[in-house]
Amino acid sequence: QTVTLVRFASTNLTGAIFLVLYTIVAYLAISCHMRVVKHYGSVIAVLVGNVRKAGTIILSFLLFPKPFSMLYVYGSVLVLGGLSAVAYVKDLKRKAKAMLAEQHHLEGQE
């Protein structure tokens, strides 16, 4: 696949430029996401990701006008709420597991 990619880039300058730009943007996005996880935790990182997705949807309505329905709002609330709830529950489980491990460690020292 690398050979195909090199062949494509050598014959299509615009495609090569977009490929390089995509790679840079993807690297920056992943780096930012990992910093959010490191500094604020997984729940906040998921919430930031969900807000970004919601922003993308809103931007699509602004840039590409289409008939609006309240079903879009209801669906978005359900999807984003569900994703946030799953992330919150996972974080609670992770914290509970860490707390149990800490208690076990402290009991072993007595």
N, C-alpha and C. Protein backbone atom coordinates (compact mmCIF):
# COMPACT_ATOMS: atom_id res chain seq x y z
N GLN A 1 0.81 -1.19 0.00
CA GLN A 1 0.00 0.00 0.00
C GLN A 1 0.86 1.26 0.00
N THR A 2 2.04 1.18 0.58
CA THR A 2 2.94 2.33 0.58
C THR A 2 3.34 2.69 -0.83
N VAL A 3 3.59 1.67 -1.67
CA VAL A 3 3.97 1.92 -3.06
C VAL A 3 2.84 2.65 -3.78
N THR A 4 1.62 2.24 -3.55
CA THR A 4 0.46 2.89 -4.17
C THR A 4 0.37 4.34 -3.72
N LEU A 5 0.61 4.58 -2.44
CA LEU A 5 0.56 5.93 -1.91
C LEU A 5 1.64 6.81 -2.53
N VAL A 6 2.85 6.30 -2.64
CA VAL A 6 3.94 7.06 -3.23
C VAL A 6 3.65 7.34 -4.70
N ARG A 7 3.13 6.35 -5.41
CA ARG A 7 2.78 6.53 -6.82
C ARG A 7 1.70 7.61 -6.96
N PHE A 8 0.69 7.56 -6.10
CA PHE A 8 -0.37 8.57 -6.13
C PHE A 8 0.20 9.96 -5.87
N ALA A 9 1.04 10.09 -4.84
CA ALA A 9 1.60 11.39 -4.48
C ALA A 9 2.50 11.95 -5.57
N SER A 10 3.20 11.06 -6.27
CA SER A 10 4.11 11.54 -7.32
C SER A 10 3.37 11.98 -8.58
N THR A 11 2.15 11.51 -8.77
CA THR A 11 1.40 11.87 -9.97
C THR A 11 0.31 12.91 -9.71
N ASN A 12 0.04 13.18 -8.44
CA ASN A 12 -1.06 14.09 -8.10
C ASN A 12 -0.60 15.04 -7.01
N LEU A 13 -0.10 16.19 -7.40
CA LEU A 13 0.44 17.16 -6.44
C LEU A 13 -0.63 17.63 -5.46
N THR A 14 -1.82 17.92 -5.93
CA THR A 14 -2.89 18.38 -5.05
C THR A 14 -3.23 17.31 -4.01
N GLY A 15 -3.32 16.08 -4.47
CA GLY A 15 -3.59 14.97 -3.54
C GLY A 15 -2.49 14.83 -2.51
N ALA A 16 -1.24 14.99 -2.93
CA ALA A 16 -0.11 14.88 -2.01
C ALA A 16 -0.16 15.99 -0.97
N ILE A 17 -0.50 17.20 -1.40
CA ILE A 17 -0.60 18.31 -0.45
C ILE A 17 -1.70 18.05 0.56
N PHE A 18 -2.86 17.60 0.08
CA PHE A 18 -3.96 17.29 1.00
C PHE A 18 -3.58 16.16 1.95
N LEU A 19 -2.84 15.18 1.48
CA LEU A 19 -2.41 14.07 2.32
C LEU A 19 -1.48 14.56 3.44
N VAL A 20 -0.54 15.43 3.09
CA VAL A 20 0.37 15.99 4.09
C VAL A 20 -0.41 16.84 5.09
N LEU A 21 -1.30 17.69 4.60
CA LEU A 21 -2.11 18.52 5.49
C LEU A 21 -2.97 17.67 6.42
N TYR A 22 -3.58 16.62 5.88
CA TYR A 22 -4.40 15.73 6.70
C TYR A 22 -3.56 15.09 7.79
N THR A 23 -2.37 14.65 7.45
CA THR A 23 -1.49 14.01 8.42
C THR A 23 -1.12 14.99 9.54
N ILE A 24 -0.81 16.22 9.19
CA ILE A 24 -0.45 17.22 10.19
C ILE A 24 -1.64 17.53 11.10
N VAL A 25 -2.80 17.74 10.50
CA VAL A 25 -4.00 18.05 11.29
C VAL A 25 -4.36 16.87 12.19
N ALA A 26 -4.28 15.65 11.68
CA ALA A 26 -4.58 14.47 12.50
C ALA A 26 -3.62 14.36 13.67
N TYR A 27 -2.34 14.60 13.43
CA TYR A 27 -1.34 14.55 14.50
C TYR A 27 -1.66 15.59 15.58
N LEU A 28 -1.98 16.81 15.15
CA LEU A 28 -2.30 17.87 16.11
C LEU A 28 -3.57 17.54 16.91
N ALA A 29 -4.57 17.00 16.23
CA ALA A 29 -5.82 16.66 16.90
C ALA A 29 -5.60 15.56 17.94
N ILE A 30 -4.85 14.54 17.58
CA ILE A 30 -4.59 13.44 18.52
C ILE A 30 -3.76 13.94 19.69
N SER A 31 -2.77 14.79 19.42
CA SER A 31 -1.95 15.35 20.49
C SER A 31 -2.79 16.18 21.46
N CYS A 32 -3.66 17.00 20.93
CA CYS A 32 -4.54 17.81 21.78
C CYS A 32 -5.46 16.93 22.62
N HIS A 33 -6.02 15.92 22.00
CA HIS A 33 -6.92 15.00 22.71
C HIS A 33 -6.18 14.31 23.86
N MET A 34 -4.97 13.85 23.59
CA MET A 34 -4.21 13.16 24.63
C MET A 34 -3.83 14.11 25.77
N ARG A 35 -3.59 15.37 25.46
CA ARG A 35 -3.32 16.35 26.53
C ARG A 35 -4.55 16.57 27.40
N VAL A 36 -5.71 16.64 26.76
CA VAL A 36 -6.95 16.81 27.53
C VAL A 36 -7.14 15.60 28.44
N VAL A 37 -6.92 14.40 27.93
CA VAL A 37 -7.05 13.19 28.76
C VAL A 37 -6.07 13.25 29.92
N LYS A 38 -4.84 13.60 29.64
CA LYS A 38 -3.80 13.63 30.68
C LYS A 38 -4.09 14.67 31.76
N HIS A 39 -4.51 15.85 31.37
CA HIS A 39 -4.69 16.94 32.33
C HIS A 39 -6.07 16.97 33.00
N TYR A 40 -7.12 16.52 32.28
CA TYR A 40 -8.47 16.66 32.82
C TYR A 40 -9.23 15.35 32.98
N GLY A 41 -8.74 14.27 32.43
CA GLY A 41 -9.40 12.97 32.59
C GLY A 41 -10.21 12.58 31.37
N SER A 42 -10.61 11.31 31.38
CA SER A 42 -11.28 10.75 30.22
C SER A 42 -12.69 11.30 30.01
N VAL A 43 -13.40 11.58 31.09
CA VAL A 43 -14.78 12.07 30.95
C VAL A 43 -14.78 13.43 30.25
N ILE A 44 -13.91 14.32 30.68
CA ILE A 44 -13.83 15.64 30.05
C ILE A 44 -13.41 15.50 28.59
N ALA A 45 -12.48 14.58 28.32
CA ALA A 45 -12.04 14.39 26.93
C ALA A 45 -13.19 13.92 26.05
N VAL A 46 -14.02 13.03 26.57
CA VAL A 46 -15.17 12.56 25.80
C VAL A 46 -16.17 13.69 25.61
N LEU A 47 -16.38 14.49 26.64
CA LEU A 47 -17.30 15.62 26.52
C LEU A 47 -16.79 16.63 25.48
N VAL A 48 -15.49 16.90 25.49
CA VAL A 48 -14.92 17.80 24.49
C VAL A 48 -15.14 17.22 23.09
N GLY A 49 -14.91 15.92 22.94
CA GLY A 49 -15.15 15.27 21.65
C GLY A 49 -16.60 15.37 21.21
N ASN A 50 -17.51 15.20 22.16
CA ASN A 50 -18.93 15.29 21.84
C ASN A 50 -19.32 16.71 21.44
N VAL A 51 -18.78 17.70 22.12
CA VAL A 51 -19.06 19.09 21.77
C VAL A 51 -18.53 19.38 20.36
N ARG A 52 -17.36 18.83 20.05
CA ARG A 52 -16.79 19.02 18.71
C ARG A 52 -17.71 18.41 17.66
N LYS A 53 -18.22 17.22 17.94
CA LYS A 53 -19.14 16.57 16.98
C LYS A 53 -20.43 17.38 16.82
N ALA A 54 -20.94 17.87 17.93
CA ALA A 54 -22.15 18.70 17.86
C ALA A 54 -21.88 19.97 17.06
N GLY A 55 -20.71 20.56 17.26
CA GLY A 55 -20.34 21.74 16.50
C GLY A 55 -20.26 21.45 15.01
N THR A 56 -19.74 20.28 14.67
CA THR A 56 -19.66 19.89 13.27
C THR A 56 -21.06 19.77 12.65
N ILE A 57 -21.98 19.20 13.41
CA ILE A 57 -23.35 19.06 12.91
C ILE A 57 -23.99 20.44 12.72
N ILE A 58 -23.81 21.31 13.70
CA ILE A 58 -24.37 22.67 13.60
C ILE A 58 -23.76 23.40 12.41
N LEU A 59 -22.44 23.27 12.24
CA LEU A 59 -21.77 23.91 11.11
C LEU A 59 -22.29 23.38 9.78
N SER A 60 -22.60 22.08 9.72
CA SER A 60 -23.13 21.52 8.48
C SER A 60 -24.49 22.14 8.13
N PHE A 61 -25.31 22.42 9.15
CA PHE A 61 -26.61 23.06 8.90
C PHE A 61 -26.42 24.49 8.43
N LEU A 62 -25.39 25.17 8.95
CA LEU A 62 -25.15 26.55 8.54
C LEU A 62 -24.56 26.65 7.14
N LEU A 63 -23.66 25.74 6.81
CA LEU A 63 -22.99 25.79 5.51
C LEU A 63 -23.80 25.16 4.39
N PHE A 64 -24.58 24.13 4.72
CA PHE A 64 -25.37 23.41 3.72
C PHE A 64 -26.83 23.41 4.15
N PRO A 65 -27.53 24.49 3.89
CA PRO A 65 -28.92 24.61 4.36
C PRO A 65 -29.79 23.42 3.92
N LYS A 66 -30.59 22.98 4.84
CA LYS A 66 -31.53 21.88 4.59
C LYS A 66 -32.75 22.09 5.47
N PRO A 67 -33.85 21.46 5.15
CA PRO A 67 -35.04 21.62 5.99
C PRO A 67 -34.74 21.15 7.42
N PHE A 68 -35.13 21.96 8.38
CA PHE A 68 -34.85 21.65 9.78
C PHE A 68 -36.05 21.00 10.43
N SER A 69 -35.79 20.02 11.27
CA SER A 69 -36.85 19.35 12.01
C SER A 69 -36.40 19.21 13.47
N MET A 70 -37.34 19.27 14.38
CA MET A 70 -37.00 19.09 15.80
C MET A 70 -36.47 17.67 16.05
N LEU A 71 -36.73 16.76 15.14
CA LEU A 71 -36.20 15.41 15.30
C LEU A 71 -34.67 15.42 15.30
N TYR A 72 -34.06 16.35 14.57
CA TYR A 72 -32.60 16.49 14.61
C TYR A 72 -32.13 16.83 16.02
N VAL A 73 -32.85 17.73 16.68
CA VAL A 73 -32.49 18.14 18.04
C VAL A 73 -32.67 16.97 18.99
N TYR A 74 -33.81 16.29 18.91
CA TYR A 74 -34.06 15.15 19.81
C TYR A 74 -33.01 14.06 19.60
N GLY A 75 -32.72 13.76 18.36
CA GLY A 75 -31.73 12.72 18.07
C GLY A 75 -30.35 13.10 18.58
N SER A 76 -29.98 14.35 18.39
CA SER A 76 -28.67 14.81 18.86
C SER A 76 -28.57 14.74 20.38
N VAL A 77 -29.62 15.16 21.06
CA VAL A 77 -29.62 15.11 22.52
C VAL A 77 -29.50 13.66 23.00
N LEU A 78 -30.24 12.76 22.37
CA LEU A 78 -30.17 11.35 22.77
C LEU A 78 -28.78 10.77 22.53
N VAL A 79 -28.21 11.01 21.37
CA VAL A 79 -26.89 10.46 21.05
C VAL A 79 -25.82 11.04 21.96
N LEU A 80 -25.76 12.37 22.06
CA LEU A 80 -24.74 13.00 22.89
C LEU A 80 -24.94 12.67 24.37
N GLY A 81 -26.18 12.62 24.81
CA GLY A 81 -26.46 12.23 26.19
C GLY A 81 -26.05 10.80 26.48
N GLY A 82 -26.34 9.91 25.55
CA GLY A 82 -25.94 8.51 25.72
C GLY A 82 -24.43 8.34 25.76
N LEU A 83 -23.73 9.01 24.86
CA LEU A 83 -22.27 8.93 24.86
C LEU A 83 -21.68 9.49 26.15
N SER A 84 -22.23 10.58 26.60
CA SER A 84 -21.74 11.19 27.85
C SER A 84 -22.03 10.28 29.04
N ALA A 85 -23.19 9.67 29.07
CA ALA A 85 -23.54 8.78 30.18
C ALA A 85 -22.62 7.56 30.21
N VAL A 86 -22.33 6.99 29.06
CA VAL A 86 -21.43 5.84 29.00
C VAL A 86 -20.04 6.23 29.48
N ALA A 87 -19.55 7.36 29.05
CA ALA A 87 -18.22 7.82 29.48
C ALA A 87 -18.21 8.06 30.99
N TYR A 88 -19.26 8.64 31.52
CA TYR A 88 -19.33 8.92 32.95
C TYR A 88 -19.33 7.62 33.76
N VAL A 89 -20.12 6.65 33.34
CA VAL A 89 -20.17 5.37 34.04
C VAL A 89 -18.82 4.66 33.99
N LYS A 90 -18.17 4.68 32.84
CA LYS A 90 -16.85 4.06 32.73
C LYS A 90 -15.86 4.73 33.68
N ASP A 91 -15.92 6.05 33.77
CA ASP A 91 -15.01 6.76 34.66
C ASP A 91 -15.31 6.42 36.12
N LEU A 92 -16.58 6.30 36.48
CA LEU A 92 -16.94 5.91 37.85
C LEU A 92 -16.40 4.53 38.17
N LYS A 93 -16.53 3.60 37.22
CA LYS A 93 -16.02 2.24 37.44
C LYS A 93 -14.50 2.25 37.59
N ARG A 94 -13.83 3.05 36.78
CA ARG A 94 -12.37 3.12 36.85
C ARG A 94 -11.95 3.68 38.21
N LYS A 95 -12.63 4.72 38.68
CA LYS A 95 -12.30 5.31 39.97
C LYS A 95 -12.59 4.35 41.12
N ALA A 96 -13.70 3.61 41.03
CA ALA A 96 -14.04 2.65 42.08
C ALA A 96 -12.99 1.53 42.12
N LYS A 97 -12.56 1.08 40.97
CA LYS A 97 -11.54 0.03 40.91
C LYS A 97 -10.23 0.53 41.52
N ALA A 98 -9.85 1.77 41.21
CA ALA A 98 -8.63 2.34 41.77
C ALA A 98 -8.75 2.50 43.28
N MET A 99 -9.93 2.88 43.76
CA MET A 99 -10.14 3.05 45.19
C MET A 99 -10.04 1.71 45.91
N LEU A 100 -10.62 0.66 45.32
CA LEU A 100 -10.53 -0.67 45.92
C LEU A 100 -9.09 -1.16 45.96
N ALA A 101 -8.35 -0.90 44.90
CA ALA A 101 -6.95 -1.31 44.86
C ALA A 101 -6.16 -0.57 45.94
N GLU A 102 -6.45 0.70 46.15
CA GLU A 102 -5.77 1.49 47.18
C GLU A 102 -6.12 0.97 48.56
N GLN A 103 -7.39 0.64 48.80
CA GLN A 103 -7.79 0.09 50.09
C GLN A 103 -7.10 -1.24 50.34
N HIS A 104 -7.03 -2.07 49.33
CA HIS A 104 -6.36 -3.37 49.46
C HIS A 104 -4.88 -3.17 49.78
N HIS A 105 -4.28 -2.20 49.14
CA HIS A 105 -2.86 -1.91 49.38
C HIS A 105 -2.65 -1.43 50.82
N LEU A 106 -3.55 -0.54 51.30
CA LEU A 106 -3.43 -0.02 52.66
C LEU A 106 -3.65 -1.11 53.69
N GLU A 107 -4.60 -2.02 53.43
CA GLU A 107 -4.85 -3.13 54.37
C GLU A 107 -3.67 -4.06 54.45
N GLY A 108 -2.95 -4.20 53.36
CA GLY A 108 -1.77 -5.07 53.35
C GLY A 108 -0.62 -4.49 54.14
N GLN A 109 -0.61 -3.19 54.37
CA GLN A 109 0.47 -2.55 55.11
C GLN A 109 0.27 -2.63 56.61
N GLU A 110 -0.95 -2.90 57.03
CA GLU A 110 -1.24 -2.94 58.50
C GLU A 110 -0.73 -4.18 59.14
